[in-house]
Full PDB file with SEQRES, HELIX, SHEET, SSBOND, CRYST1, ORIGX, SCALE, CONECT and MASTER records, all heavy atoms in Angstrom:
SEQRES   1 A   41  GLY MET ASP LEU ALA VAL THR ASN PHE PHE SER LEU GLN          
SEQRES   2 A   41  SER GLY PHE HIS TYR ARG GLY GLY ASN PRO ARG PHE SER          
SEQRES   3 A   41  LEU GLY THR GLU LEU LEU THR SER ASP MET SER PHE ASN          
SEQRES   4 A   41  VAL ASN                                                      
SHEET    1 AA1 4 MET A   2  ALA A   5  0                                        
SHEET    2 AA1 4 PHE A  10  ARG A  19 -1                                        
SHEET    3 AA1 4 ASN A  22  LEU A  32 -1                                        
SHEET    4 AA1 4 SER A  37  VAL A  40 -1                                        
CRYST1    1.000    1.000    1.000  90.00  90.00  90.00 P 1           1          
ORIGX1      1.000000  0.000000  0.000000        0.00000                         
ORIGX2      0.000000  1.000000  0.000000        0.00000                         
ORIGX3      0.000000  0.000000  1.000000        0.00000                         
SCALE1      1.000000  0.000000  0.000000        0.00000                         
SCALE2      0.000000  1.000000  0.000000        0.00000                         
SCALE3      0.000000  0.000000  1.000000        0.00000                         
ATOM      1  N   GLY A   1       0.815  -1.213   0.000  1.00  0.00           N  
ATOM      2  CA  GLY A   1       0.000   0.000   0.000  1.00  0.00           C  
ATOM      3  C   GLY A   1       0.846   1.259   0.000  1.00  0.00           C  
ATOM      4  O   GLY A   1       2.052   1.235   0.282  1.00  0.00           O  
ATOM      5  N   MET A   2       0.197   2.373  -0.326  1.00  0.00           N  
ATOM      6  CA  MET A   2       0.845   3.682  -0.363  1.00  0.00           C  
ATOM      7  C   MET A   2      -0.136   4.737   0.118  1.00  0.00           C  
ATOM      8  O   MET A   2      -1.321   4.708  -0.225  1.00  0.00           O  
ATOM      9  CB  MET A   2       1.296   3.999  -1.793  1.00  0.00           C  
ATOM     10  CG  MET A   2       2.026   5.336  -1.962  1.00  0.00           C  
ATOM     11  SD  MET A   2       0.894   6.759  -2.212  1.00  0.00           S  
ATOM     12  CE  MET A   2       0.190   6.391  -3.803  1.00  0.00           C  
ATOM     13  N   ASP A   3       0.362   5.671   0.933  1.00  0.00           N  
ATOM     14  CA  ASP A   3      -0.423   6.815   1.374  1.00  0.00           C  
ATOM     15  C   ASP A   3       0.387   8.080   1.102  1.00  0.00           C  
ATOM     16  O   ASP A   3       1.536   8.191   1.552  1.00  0.00           O  
ATOM     17  CB  ASP A   3      -0.759   6.709   2.864  1.00  0.00           C  
ATOM     18  CG  ASP A   3      -1.584   7.889   3.358  1.00  0.00           C  
ATOM     19  OD1 ASP A   3      -0.994   8.915   3.765  1.00  0.00           O  
ATOM     20  OD2 ASP A   3      -2.817   7.787   3.336  1.00  0.00           O  
ATOM     21  N   LEU A   4      -0.191   9.018   0.374  1.00  0.00           N  
ATOM     22  CA  LEU A   4       0.497  10.256   0.015  1.00  0.00           C  
ATOM     23  C   LEU A   4      -0.320  11.434   0.514  1.00  0.00           C  
ATOM     24  O   LEU A   4      -1.461  11.640   0.076  1.00  0.00           O  
ATOM     25  CB  LEU A   4       0.681  10.350  -1.500  1.00  0.00           C  
ATOM     26  CG  LEU A   4       1.325  11.641  -2.031  1.00  0.00           C  
ATOM     27  CD1 LEU A   4       2.764  11.771  -1.514  1.00  0.00           C  
ATOM     28  CD2 LEU A   4       1.302  11.677  -3.550  1.00  0.00           C  
ATOM     29  N   ALA A   5       0.238  12.215   1.437  1.00  0.00           N  
ATOM     30  CA  ALA A   5      -0.423  13.413   1.955  1.00  0.00           C  
ATOM     31  C   ALA A   5      -0.163  14.565   0.988  1.00  0.00           C  
ATOM     32  O   ALA A   5       0.911  15.164   0.994  1.00  0.00           O  
ATOM     33  CB  ALA A   5       0.093  13.745   3.346  1.00  0.00           C  
ATOM     34  N   VAL A   6      -1.139  14.859   0.135  1.00  0.00           N  
ATOM     35  CA  VAL A   6      -0.999  15.930  -0.852  1.00  0.00           C  
ATOM     36  C   VAL A   6      -0.977  17.283  -0.157  1.00  0.00           C  
ATOM     37  O   VAL A   6      -0.170  18.161  -0.475  1.00  0.00           O  
ATOM     38  CB  VAL A   6      -2.128  15.851  -1.892  1.00  0.00           C  
ATOM     39  CG1 VAL A   6      -1.974  16.950  -2.938  1.00  0.00           C  
ATOM     40  CG2 VAL A   6      -2.134  14.481  -2.562  1.00  0.00           C  
ATOM     41  N   THR A   7      -1.877  17.483   0.804  1.00  0.00           N  
ATOM     42  CA  THR A   7      -1.898  18.663   1.659  1.00  0.00           C  
ATOM     43  C   THR A   7      -2.161  18.177   3.081  1.00  0.00           C  
ATOM     44  O   THR A   7      -2.285  16.973   3.329  1.00  0.00           O  
ATOM     45  CB  THR A   7      -3.000  19.657   1.236  1.00  0.00           C  
ATOM     46  OG1 THR A   7      -4.283  19.082   1.511  1.00  0.00           O  
ATOM     47  CG2 THR A   7      -2.915  19.986  -0.251  1.00  0.00           C  
ATOM     48  N   ASN A   8      -2.275  19.100   4.020  1.00  0.00           N  
ATOM     49  CA  ASN A   8      -2.549  18.684   5.394  1.00  0.00           C  
ATOM     50  C   ASN A   8      -4.001  18.264   5.592  1.00  0.00           C  
ATOM     51  O   ASN A   8      -4.362  17.802   6.680  1.00  0.00           O  
ATOM     52  CB  ASN A   8      -2.177  19.793   6.377  1.00  0.00           C  
ATOM     53  CG  ASN A   8      -2.953  21.065   6.125  1.00  0.00           C  
ATOM     54  OD1 ASN A   8      -3.689  21.188   5.142  1.00  0.00           O  
ATOM     55  ND2 ASN A   8      -2.798  22.038   7.012  1.00  0.00           N  
ATOM     56  N   PHE A   9      -4.845  18.423   4.569  1.00  0.00           N  
ATOM     57  CA  PHE A   9      -6.241  18.012   4.696  1.00  0.00           C  
ATOM     58  C   PHE A   9      -6.675  17.033   3.603  1.00  0.00           C  
ATOM     59  O   PHE A   9      -7.819  16.566   3.603  1.00  0.00           O  
ATOM     60  CB  PHE A   9      -7.172  19.233   4.670  1.00  0.00           C  
ATOM     61  CG  PHE A   9      -7.143  20.006   3.378  1.00  0.00           C  
ATOM     62  CD1 PHE A   9      -7.962  19.669   2.322  1.00  0.00           C  
ATOM     63  CD2 PHE A   9      -6.285  21.096   3.245  1.00  0.00           C  
ATOM     64  CE1 PHE A   9      -7.933  20.385   1.144  1.00  0.00           C  
ATOM     65  CE2 PHE A   9      -6.253  21.821   2.061  1.00  0.00           C  
ATOM     66  CZ  PHE A   9      -7.078  21.466   1.010  1.00  0.00           C  
ATOM     67  N   PHE A  10      -5.790  16.691   2.682  1.00  0.00           N  
ATOM     68  CA  PHE A  10      -6.171  15.827   1.562  1.00  0.00           C  
ATOM     69  C   PHE A  10      -5.056  14.828   1.280  1.00  0.00           C  
ATOM     70  O   PHE A  10      -3.883  15.193   1.183  1.00  0.00           O  
ATOM     71  CB  PHE A  10      -6.444  16.665   0.316  1.00  0.00           C  
ATOM     72  CG  PHE A  10      -6.848  15.863  -0.893  1.00  0.00           C  
ATOM     73  CD1 PHE A  10      -8.116  15.317  -0.984  1.00  0.00           C  
ATOM     74  CD2 PHE A  10      -5.956  15.642  -1.929  1.00  0.00           C  
ATOM     75  CE1 PHE A  10      -8.494  14.578  -2.089  1.00  0.00           C  
ATOM     76  CE2 PHE A  10      -6.319  14.901  -3.043  1.00  0.00           C  
ATOM     77  CZ  PHE A  10      -7.602  14.368  -3.120  1.00  0.00           C  
ATOM     78  N   SER A  11      -5.421  13.543   1.165  1.00  0.00           N  
ATOM     79  CA  SER A  11      -4.423  12.503   0.896  1.00  0.00           C  
ATOM     80  C   SER A  11      -4.987  11.484  -0.080  1.00  0.00           C  
ATOM     81  O   SER A  11      -6.212  11.326  -0.225  1.00  0.00           O  
ATOM     82  CB  SER A  11      -3.996  11.810   2.188  1.00  0.00           C  
ATOM     83  OG  SER A  11      -5.090  11.166   2.809  1.00  0.00           O  
ATOM     84  N   LEU A  12      -4.069  10.775  -0.750  1.00  0.00           N  
ATOM     85  CA  LEU A  12      -4.416   9.727  -1.696  1.00  0.00           C  
ATOM     86  C   LEU A  12      -3.827   8.409  -1.225  1.00  0.00           C  
ATOM     87  O   LEU A  12      -2.723   8.381  -0.668  1.00  0.00           O  
ATOM     88  CB  LEU A  12      -3.876  10.052  -3.091  1.00  0.00           C  
ATOM     89  CG  LEU A  12      -4.468  11.268  -3.807  1.00  0.00           C  
ATOM     90  CD1 LEU A  12      -3.676  11.568  -5.074  1.00  0.00           C  
ATOM     91  CD2 LEU A  12      -5.940  11.032  -4.138  1.00  0.00           C  
ATOM     92  N   GLN A  13      -4.563   7.321  -1.458  1.00  0.00           N  
ATOM     93  CA  GLN A  13      -4.082   5.984  -1.115  1.00  0.00           C  
ATOM     94  C   GLN A  13      -4.237   5.065  -2.324  1.00  0.00           C  
ATOM     95  O   GLN A  13      -5.140   5.250  -3.151  1.00  0.00           O  
ATOM     96  CB  GLN A  13      -4.870   5.384   0.061  1.00  0.00           C  
ATOM     97  CG  GLN A  13      -4.769   6.135   1.365  1.00  0.00           C  
ATOM     98  CD  GLN A  13      -5.780   7.258   1.460  1.00  0.00           C  
ATOM     99  OE1 GLN A  13      -6.919   7.128   1.027  1.00  0.00           O  
ATOM    100  NE2 GLN A  13      -5.372   8.373   2.050  1.00  0.00           N  
ATOM    101  N   SER A  14      -3.368   4.086  -2.411  1.00  0.00           N  
ATOM    102  CA  SER A  14      -3.504   3.034  -3.405  1.00  0.00           C  
ATOM    103  C   SER A  14      -2.937   1.752  -2.821  1.00  0.00           C  
ATOM    104  O   SER A  14      -2.162   1.784  -1.862  1.00  0.00           O  
ATOM    105  CB  SER A  14      -2.789   3.400  -4.713  1.00  0.00           C  
ATOM    106  OG  SER A  14      -1.383   3.453  -4.511  1.00  0.00           O  
ATOM    107  N   GLY A  15      -3.327   0.614  -3.404  1.00  0.00           N  
ATOM    108  CA  GLY A  15      -2.846  -0.658  -2.874  1.00  0.00           C  
ATOM    109  C   GLY A  15      -2.974  -1.782  -3.874  1.00  0.00           C  
ATOM    110  O   GLY A  15      -3.705  -1.689  -4.875  1.00  0.00           O  
ATOM    111  N   PHE A  16      -2.235  -2.859  -3.589  1.00  0.00           N  
ATOM    112  CA  PHE A  16      -2.281  -4.074  -4.394  1.00  0.00           C  
ATOM    113  C   PHE A  16      -2.350  -5.255  -3.440  1.00  0.00           C  
ATOM    114  O   PHE A  16      -1.599  -5.327  -2.457  1.00  0.00           O  
ATOM    115  CB  PHE A  16      -1.040  -4.190  -5.287  1.00  0.00           C  
ATOM    116  CG  PHE A  16      -0.932  -5.500  -6.003  1.00  0.00           C  
ATOM    117  CD1 PHE A  16      -1.754  -5.785  -7.085  1.00  0.00           C  
ATOM    118  CD2 PHE A  16      -0.013  -6.460  -5.599  1.00  0.00           C  
ATOM    119  CE1 PHE A  16      -1.662  -7.005  -7.744  1.00  0.00           C  
ATOM    120  CE2 PHE A  16       0.089  -7.679  -6.261  1.00  0.00           C  
ATOM    121  CZ  PHE A  16      -0.745  -7.956  -7.337  1.00  0.00           C  
ATOM    122  N   HIS A  17      -3.277  -6.171  -3.726  1.00  0.00           N  
ATOM    123  CA  HIS A  17      -3.519  -7.323  -2.862  1.00  0.00           C  
ATOM    124  C   HIS A  17      -3.602  -8.559  -3.753  1.00  0.00           C  
ATOM    125  O   HIS A  17      -4.400  -8.593  -4.700  1.00  0.00           O  
ATOM    126  CB  HIS A  17      -4.842  -7.094  -2.115  1.00  0.00           C  
ATOM    127  CG  HIS A  17      -5.244  -8.215  -1.205  1.00  0.00           C  
ATOM    128  ND1 HIS A  17      -5.241  -8.068   0.167  1.00  0.00           N  
ATOM    129  CD2 HIS A  17      -5.701  -9.466  -1.441  1.00  0.00           C  
ATOM    130  CE1 HIS A  17      -5.671  -9.202   0.729  1.00  0.00           C  
ATOM    131  NE2 HIS A  17      -5.951 -10.061  -0.239  1.00  0.00           N  
ATOM    132  N   TYR A  18      -2.789  -9.568  -3.473  1.00  0.00           N  
ATOM    133  CA  TYR A  18      -2.795 -10.776  -4.301  1.00  0.00           C  
ATOM    134  C   TYR A  18      -3.013 -11.982  -3.406  1.00  0.00           C  
ATOM    135  O   TYR A  18      -2.192 -12.310  -2.552  1.00  0.00           O  
ATOM    136  CB  TYR A  18      -1.480 -10.929  -5.059  1.00  0.00           C  
ATOM    137  CG  TYR A  18      -1.533 -12.035  -6.081  1.00  0.00           C  
ATOM    138  CD1 TYR A  18      -2.034 -11.803  -7.352  1.00  0.00           C  
ATOM    139  CD2 TYR A  18      -1.113 -13.321  -5.760  1.00  0.00           C  
ATOM    140  CE1 TYR A  18      -2.103 -12.820  -8.290  1.00  0.00           C  
ATOM    141  CE2 TYR A  18      -1.185 -14.349  -6.681  1.00  0.00           C  
ATOM    142  CZ  TYR A  18      -1.679 -14.089  -7.951  1.00  0.00           C  
ATOM    143  OH  TYR A  18      -1.769 -15.095  -8.875  1.00  0.00           O  
ATOM    144  N   ARG A  19      -4.164 -12.647  -3.620  1.00  0.00           N  
ATOM    145  CA  ARG A  19      -4.499 -13.800  -2.795  1.00  0.00           C  
ATOM    146  C   ARG A  19      -5.231 -14.845  -3.637  1.00  0.00           C  
ATOM    147  O   ARG A  19      -6.248 -14.536  -4.276  1.00  0.00           O  
ATOM    148  CB  ARG A  19      -5.401 -13.375  -1.635  1.00  0.00           C  
ATOM    149  CG  ARG A  19      -5.805 -14.526  -0.715  1.00  0.00           C  
ATOM    150  CD  ARG A  19      -6.559 -14.031   0.485  1.00  0.00           C  
ATOM    151  NE  ARG A  19      -6.757 -15.082   1.463  1.00  0.00           N  
ATOM    152  CZ  ARG A  19      -7.220 -14.904   2.693  1.00  0.00           C  
ATOM    153  NH1 ARG A  19      -7.520 -13.676   3.084  1.00  0.00           N  
ATOM    154  NH2 ARG A  19      -7.380 -15.911   3.518  1.00  0.00           N  
ATOM    155  N   GLY A  20      -4.718 -16.062  -3.652  1.00  0.00           N  
ATOM    156  CA  GLY A  20      -5.396 -17.164  -4.306  1.00  0.00           C  
ATOM    157  C   GLY A  20      -5.688 -16.939  -5.772  1.00  0.00           C  
ATOM    158  O   GLY A  20      -6.760 -17.279  -6.270  1.00  0.00           O  
ATOM    159  N   GLY A  21      -4.759 -16.339  -6.508  1.00  0.00           N  
ATOM    160  CA  GLY A  21      -4.972 -16.090  -7.927  1.00  0.00           C  
ATOM    161  C   GLY A  21      -5.905 -14.935  -8.203  1.00  0.00           C  
ATOM    162  O   GLY A  21      -6.391 -14.782  -9.326  1.00  0.00           O  
ATOM    163  N   ASN A  22      -6.155 -14.097  -7.190  1.00  0.00           N  
ATOM    164  CA  ASN A  22      -7.081 -12.976  -7.350  1.00  0.00           C  
ATOM    165  C   ASN A  22      -6.361 -11.660  -7.058  1.00  0.00           C  
ATOM    166  O   ASN A  22      -6.361 -11.187  -5.923  1.00  0.00           O  
ATOM    167  CB  ASN A  22      -8.277 -13.139  -6.416  1.00  0.00           C  
ATOM    168  CG  ASN A  22      -9.300 -12.015  -6.595  1.00  0.00           C  
ATOM    169  OD1 ASN A  22      -9.183 -11.194  -7.498  1.00  0.00           O  
ATOM    170  ND2 ASN A  22     -10.292 -11.996  -5.730  1.00  0.00           N  
ATOM    171  N   PRO A  23      -5.717 -11.047  -8.047  1.00  0.00           N  
ATOM    172  CA  PRO A  23      -5.092  -9.741  -7.801  1.00  0.00           C  
ATOM    173  C   PRO A  23      -6.147  -8.651  -7.679  1.00  0.00           C  
ATOM    174  O   PRO A  23      -7.130  -8.638  -8.420  1.00  0.00           O  
ATOM    175  CB  PRO A  23      -4.218  -9.535  -9.047  1.00  0.00           C  
ATOM    176  CG  PRO A  23      -4.868 -10.348 -10.101  1.00  0.00           C  
ATOM    177  CD  PRO A  23      -5.503 -11.523  -9.422  1.00  0.00           C  
ATOM    178  N   ARG A  24      -5.955  -7.760  -6.715  1.00  0.00           N  
ATOM    179  CA  ARG A  24      -6.885  -6.652  -6.521  1.00  0.00           C  
ATOM    180  C   ARG A  24      -6.101  -5.354  -6.471  1.00  0.00           C  
ATOM    181  O   ARG A  24      -5.060  -5.259  -5.807  1.00  0.00           O  
ATOM    182  CB  ARG A  24      -7.689  -6.824  -5.225  1.00  0.00           C  
ATOM    183  CG  ARG A  24      -8.533  -8.068  -5.171  1.00  0.00           C  
ATOM    184  CD  ARG A  24      -9.720  -7.920  -4.237  1.00  0.00           C  
ATOM    185  NE  ARG A  24      -9.354  -7.538  -2.899  1.00  0.00           N  
ATOM    186  CZ  ARG A  24      -9.278  -8.381  -1.869  1.00  0.00           C  
ATOM    187  NH1 ARG A  24      -9.503  -9.664  -2.069  1.00  0.00           N  
ATOM    188  NH2 ARG A  24      -8.967  -7.959  -0.667  1.00  0.00           N  
ATOM    189  N   PHE A  25      -6.617  -4.348  -7.138  1.00  0.00           N  
ATOM    190  CA  PHE A  25      -6.032  -3.017  -7.136  1.00  0.00           C  
ATOM    191  C   PHE A  25      -7.032  -2.057  -6.486  1.00  0.00           C  
ATOM    192  O   PHE A  25      -8.229  -2.134  -6.751  1.00  0.00           O  
ATOM    193  CB  PHE A  25      -5.710  -2.560  -8.564  1.00  0.00           C  
ATOM    194  CG  PHE A  25      -4.793  -3.472  -9.301  1.00  0.00           C  
ATOM    195  CD1 PHE A  25      -5.295  -4.533 -10.041  1.00  0.00           C  
ATOM    196  CD2 PHE A  25      -3.418  -3.288  -9.261  1.00  0.00           C  
ATOM    197  CE1 PHE A  25      -4.455  -5.383 -10.733  1.00  0.00           C  
ATOM    198  CE2 PHE A  25      -2.569  -4.135  -9.942  1.00  0.00           C  
ATOM    199  CZ  PHE A  25      -3.085  -5.185 -10.680  1.00  0.00           C  
ATOM    200  N   SER A  26      -6.535  -1.158  -5.669  1.00  0.00           N  
ATOM    201  CA  SER A  26      -7.431  -0.231  -4.980  1.00  0.00           C  
ATOM    202  C   SER A  26      -6.910   1.190  -5.084  1.00  0.00           C  
ATOM    203  O   SER A  26      -5.704   1.434  -5.193  1.00  0.00           O  
ATOM    204  CB  SER A  26      -7.591  -0.628  -3.507  1.00  0.00           C  
ATOM    205  OG  SER A  26      -6.331  -0.762  -2.879  1.00  0.00           O  
ATOM    206  N   LEU A  27      -7.842   2.117  -5.041  1.00  0.00           N  
ATOM    207  CA  LEU A  27      -7.539   3.542  -5.116  1.00  0.00           C  
ATOM    208  C   LEU A  27      -8.485   4.271  -4.187  1.00  0.00           C  
ATOM    209  O   LEU A  27      -9.702   4.024  -4.207  1.00  0.00           O  
ATOM    210  CB  LEU A  27      -7.716   4.044  -6.552  1.00  0.00           C  
ATOM    211  CG  LEU A  27      -7.519   5.545  -6.797  1.00  0.00           C  
ATOM    212  CD1 LEU A  27      -6.053   5.925  -6.582  1.00  0.00           C  
ATOM    213  CD2 LEU A  27      -7.964   5.917  -8.205  1.00  0.00           C  
ATOM    214  N   GLY A  28      -7.949   5.152  -3.342  1.00  0.00           N  
ATOM    215  CA  GLY A  28      -8.787   5.866  -2.378  1.00  0.00           C  
ATOM    216  C   GLY A  28      -8.329   7.279  -2.157  1.00  0.00           C  
ATOM    217  O   GLY A  28      -7.220   7.675  -2.532  1.00  0.00           O  
ATOM    218  N   THR A  29      -9.202   8.054  -1.548  1.00  0.00           N  
ATOM    219  CA  THR A  29      -8.883   9.432  -1.192  1.00  0.00           C  
ATOM    220  C   THR A  29      -9.488   9.743   0.162  1.00  0.00           C  
ATOM    221  O   THR A  29     -10.544   9.201   0.529  1.00  0.00           O  
ATOM    222  CB  THR A  29      -9.418  10.415  -2.250  1.00  0.00           C  
ATOM    223  OG1 THR A  29      -9.064  11.752  -1.882  1.00  0.00           O  
ATOM    224  CG2 THR A  29     -10.933  10.335  -2.366  1.00  0.00           C  
ATOM    225  N   GLU A  30      -8.801  10.579   0.935  1.00  0.00           N  
ATOM    226  CA  GLU A  30      -9.284  10.961   2.263  1.00  0.00           C  
ATOM    227  C   GLU A  30      -9.234  12.471   2.400  1.00  0.00           C  
ATOM    228  O   GLU A  30      -8.238  13.108   2.041  1.00  0.00           O  
ATOM    229  CB  GLU A  30      -8.443  10.307   3.351  1.00  0.00           C  
ATOM    230  CG  GLU A  30      -8.975  10.567   4.758  1.00  0.00           C  
ATOM    231  CD  GLU A  30      -8.227   9.788   5.817  1.00  0.00           C  
ATOM    232  OE1 GLU A  30      -6.980   9.852   5.812  1.00  0.00           O  
ATOM    233  OE2 GLU A  30      -8.869   9.118   6.633  1.00  0.00           O  
ATOM    234  N   LEU A  31     -10.304  13.032   2.924  1.00  0.00           N  
ATOM    235  CA  LEU A  31     -10.409  14.461   3.150  1.00  0.00           C  
ATOM    236  C   LEU A  31     -10.604  14.712   4.639  1.00  0.00           C  
ATOM    237  O   LEU A  31     -11.489  14.119   5.273  1.00  0.00           O  
ATOM    238  CB  LEU A  31     -11.586  15.048   2.364  1.00  0.00           C  
ATOM    239  CG  LEU A  31     -11.800  16.548   2.508  1.00  0.00           C  
ATOM    240  CD1 LEU A  31     -10.671  17.310   1.820  1.00  0.00           C  
ATOM    241  CD2 LEU A  31     -13.138  16.957   1.921  1.00  0.00           C  
ATOM    242  N   LEU A  32      -9.771  15.577   5.217  1.00  0.00           N  
ATOM    243  CA  LEU A  32      -9.828  15.887   6.639  1.00  0.00           C  
ATOM    244  C   LEU A  32     -10.367  17.290   6.849  1.00  0.00           C  
ATOM    245  O   LEU A  32      -9.973  18.229   6.151  1.00  0.00           O  
ATOM    246  CB  LEU A  32      -8.432  15.787   7.271  1.00  0.00           C  
ATOM    247  CG  LEU A  32      -7.703  14.451   7.127  1.00  0.00           C  
ATOM    248  CD1 LEU A  32      -6.299  14.569   7.703  1.00  0.00           C  
ATOM    249  CD2 LEU A  32      -8.470  13.347   7.829  1.00  0.00           C  
ATOM    250  N   THR A  33     -11.274  17.446   7.801  1.00  0.00           N  
ATOM    251  CA  THR A  33     -11.704  18.758   8.262  1.00  0.00           C  
ATOM    252  C   THR A  33     -11.276  18.879   9.722  1.00  0.00           C  
ATOM    253  O   THR A  33     -10.559  18.029  10.242  1.00  0.00           O  
ATOM    254  CB  THR A  33     -13.222  18.930   8.110  1.00  0.00           C  
ATOM    255  OG1 THR A  33     -13.889  18.053   9.028  1.00  0.00           O  
ATOM    256  CG2 THR A  33     -13.677  18.594   6.684  1.00  0.00           C  
ATOM    257  N   SER A  34     -11.712  19.922  10.392  1.00  0.00           N  
ATOM    258  CA  SER A  34     -11.275  20.144  11.768  1.00  0.00           C  
ATOM    259  C   SER A  34     -11.726  19.032  12.700  1.00  0.00           C  
ATOM    260  O   SER A  34     -11.016  18.684  13.654  1.00  0.00           O  
ATOM    261  CB  SER A  34     -11.789  21.489  12.281  1.00  0.00           C  
ATOM    262  OG  SER A  34     -13.208  21.526  12.216  1.00  0.00           O  
ATOM    263  N   ASP A  35     -12.886  18.448  12.466  1.00  0.00           N  
ATOM    264  CA  ASP A  35     -13.368  17.407  13.367  1.00  0.00           C  
ATOM    265  C   ASP A  35     -13.992  16.208  12.650  1.00  0.00           C  
ATOM    266  O   ASP A  35     -14.631  15.374  13.273  1.00  0.00           O  
ATOM    267  CB  ASP A  35     -14.398  17.983  14.357  1.00  0.00           C  
ATOM    268  CG  ASP A  35     -15.529  18.712  13.656  1.00  0.00           C  
ATOM    269  OD1 ASP A  35     -15.582  18.684  12.414  1.00  0.00           O  
ATOM    270  OD2 ASP A  35     -16.364  19.304  14.351  1.00  0.00           O  
ATOM    271  N   MET A  36     -13.788  16.100  11.328  1.00  0.00           N  
ATOM    272  CA  MET A  36     -14.329  14.984  10.563  1.00  0.00           C  
ATOM    273  C   MET A  36     -13.312  14.534   9.516  1.00  0.00           C  
ATOM    274  O   MET A  36     -12.433  15.303   9.108  1.00  0.00           O  
ATOM    275  CB  MET A  36     -15.627  15.378   9.843  1.00  0.00           C  
ATOM    276  CG  MET A  36     -16.809  15.687  10.758  1.00  0.00           C  
ATOM    277  SD  MET A  36     -17.544  14.193  11.471  1.00  0.00           S  
ATOM    278  CE  MET A  36     -18.233  13.393  10.018  1.00  0.00           C  
ATOM    279  N   SER A  37     -13.430  13.296   9.093  1.00  0.00           N  
ATOM    280  CA  SER A  37     -12.675  12.815   7.939  1.00  0.00           C  
ATOM    281  C   SER A  37     -13.604  11.980   7.075  1.00  0.00           C  
ATOM    282  O   SER A  37     -14.514  11.303   7.581  1.00  0.00           O  
ATOM    283  CB  SER A  37     -11.451  11.997   8.369  1.00  0.00           C  
ATOM    284  OG  SER A  37     -11.847  10.786   8.973  1.00  0.00           O  
ATOM    285  N   PHE A  38     -13.368  12.033   5.759  1.00  0.00           N  
ATOM    286  CA  PHE A  38     -14.191  11.308   4.794  1.00  0.00           C  
ATOM    287  C   PHE A  38     -13.261  10.533   3.869  1.00  0.00           C  
ATOM    288  O   PHE A  38     -12.288  11.080   3.365  1.00  0.00           O  
ATOM    289  CB  PHE A  38     -15.065  12.265   3.984  1.00  0.00           C  
ATOM    290  CG  PHE A  38     -15.989  13.109   4.818  1.00  0.00           C  
ATOM    291  CD1 PHE A  38     -15.570  14.347   5.290  1.00  0.00           C  
ATOM    292  CD2 PHE A  38     -17.244  12.654   5.151  1.00  0.00           C  
ATOM    293  CE1 PHE A  38     -16.399  15.124   6.066  1.00  0.00           C  
ATOM    294  CE2 PHE A  38     -18.088  13.426   5.933  1.00  0.00           C  
ATOM    295  CZ  PHE A  38     -17.670  14.666   6.389  1.00  0.00           C  
ATOM    296  N   ASN A  39     -13.589   9.275   3.667  1.00  0.00           N  
ATOM    297  CA  ASN A  39     -12.780   8.424   2.796  1.00  0.00           C  
ATOM    298  C   ASN A  39     -13.678   7.725   1.790  1.00  0.00           C  
ATOM    299  O   ASN A  39     -14.725   7.181   2.153  1.00  0.00           O  
ATOM    300  CB  ASN A  39     -12.018   7.381   3.624  1.00  0.00           C  
ATOM    301  CG  ASN A  39     -11.143   6.493   2.771  1.00  0.00           C  
ATOM    302  OD1 ASN A  39     -11.637   5.586   2.117  1.00  0.00           O  
ATOM    303  ND2 ASN A  39      -9.848   6.752   2.772  1.00  0.00           N  
ATOM    304  N   VAL A  40     -13.263   7.762   0.533  1.00  0.00           N  
ATOM    305  CA  VAL A  40     -13.948   7.031  -0.535  1.00  0.00           C  
ATOM    306  C   VAL A  40     -12.895   6.219  -1.267  1.00  0.00           C  
ATOM    307  O   VAL A  40     -11.827   6.749  -1.605  1.00  0.00           O  
ATOM    308  CB  VAL A  40     -14.649   7.986  -1.523  1.00  0.00           C  
ATOM    309  CG1 VAL A  40     -15.380   7.196  -2.605  1.00  0.00           C  
ATOM    310  CG2 VAL A  40     -15.616   8.908  -0.795  1.00  0.00           C  
ATOM    311  N   ASN A  41     -13.165   4.926  -1.511  1.00  0.00           N  
ATOM    312  CA  ASN A  41     -12.196   4.144  -2.276  1.00  0.00           C  
ATOM    313  C   ASN A  41     -12.896   3.120  -3.152  1.00  0.00           C  
ATOM    314  O   ASN A  41     -14.040   2.729  -2.902  1.00  0.00           O  
ATOM    315  CB  ASN A  41     -11.155   3.502  -1.361  1.00  0.00           C  
ATOM    316  CG  ASN A  41     -11.677   2.320  -0.600  1.00  0.00           C  
ATOM    317  OD1 ASN A  41     -11.939   1.266  -1.162  1.00  0.00           O  
ATOM    318  ND2 ASN A  41     -11.849   2.480   0.714  1.00  0.00           N  
TER     319      ASN A  41                                                      
MASTER        0    0    0    0    4    0    0    6  318    1    0    4          
END                                                                             
């Protein structure tokens, strides 16, 4: 996996998972506010 903090409130994530002949690729983003965080992937 990889996590990259683009700014102090916005970051990007990606990952690779290989299990039982099933490779999986993932892409996500996280947004931080003063008291909340939101993640979509």
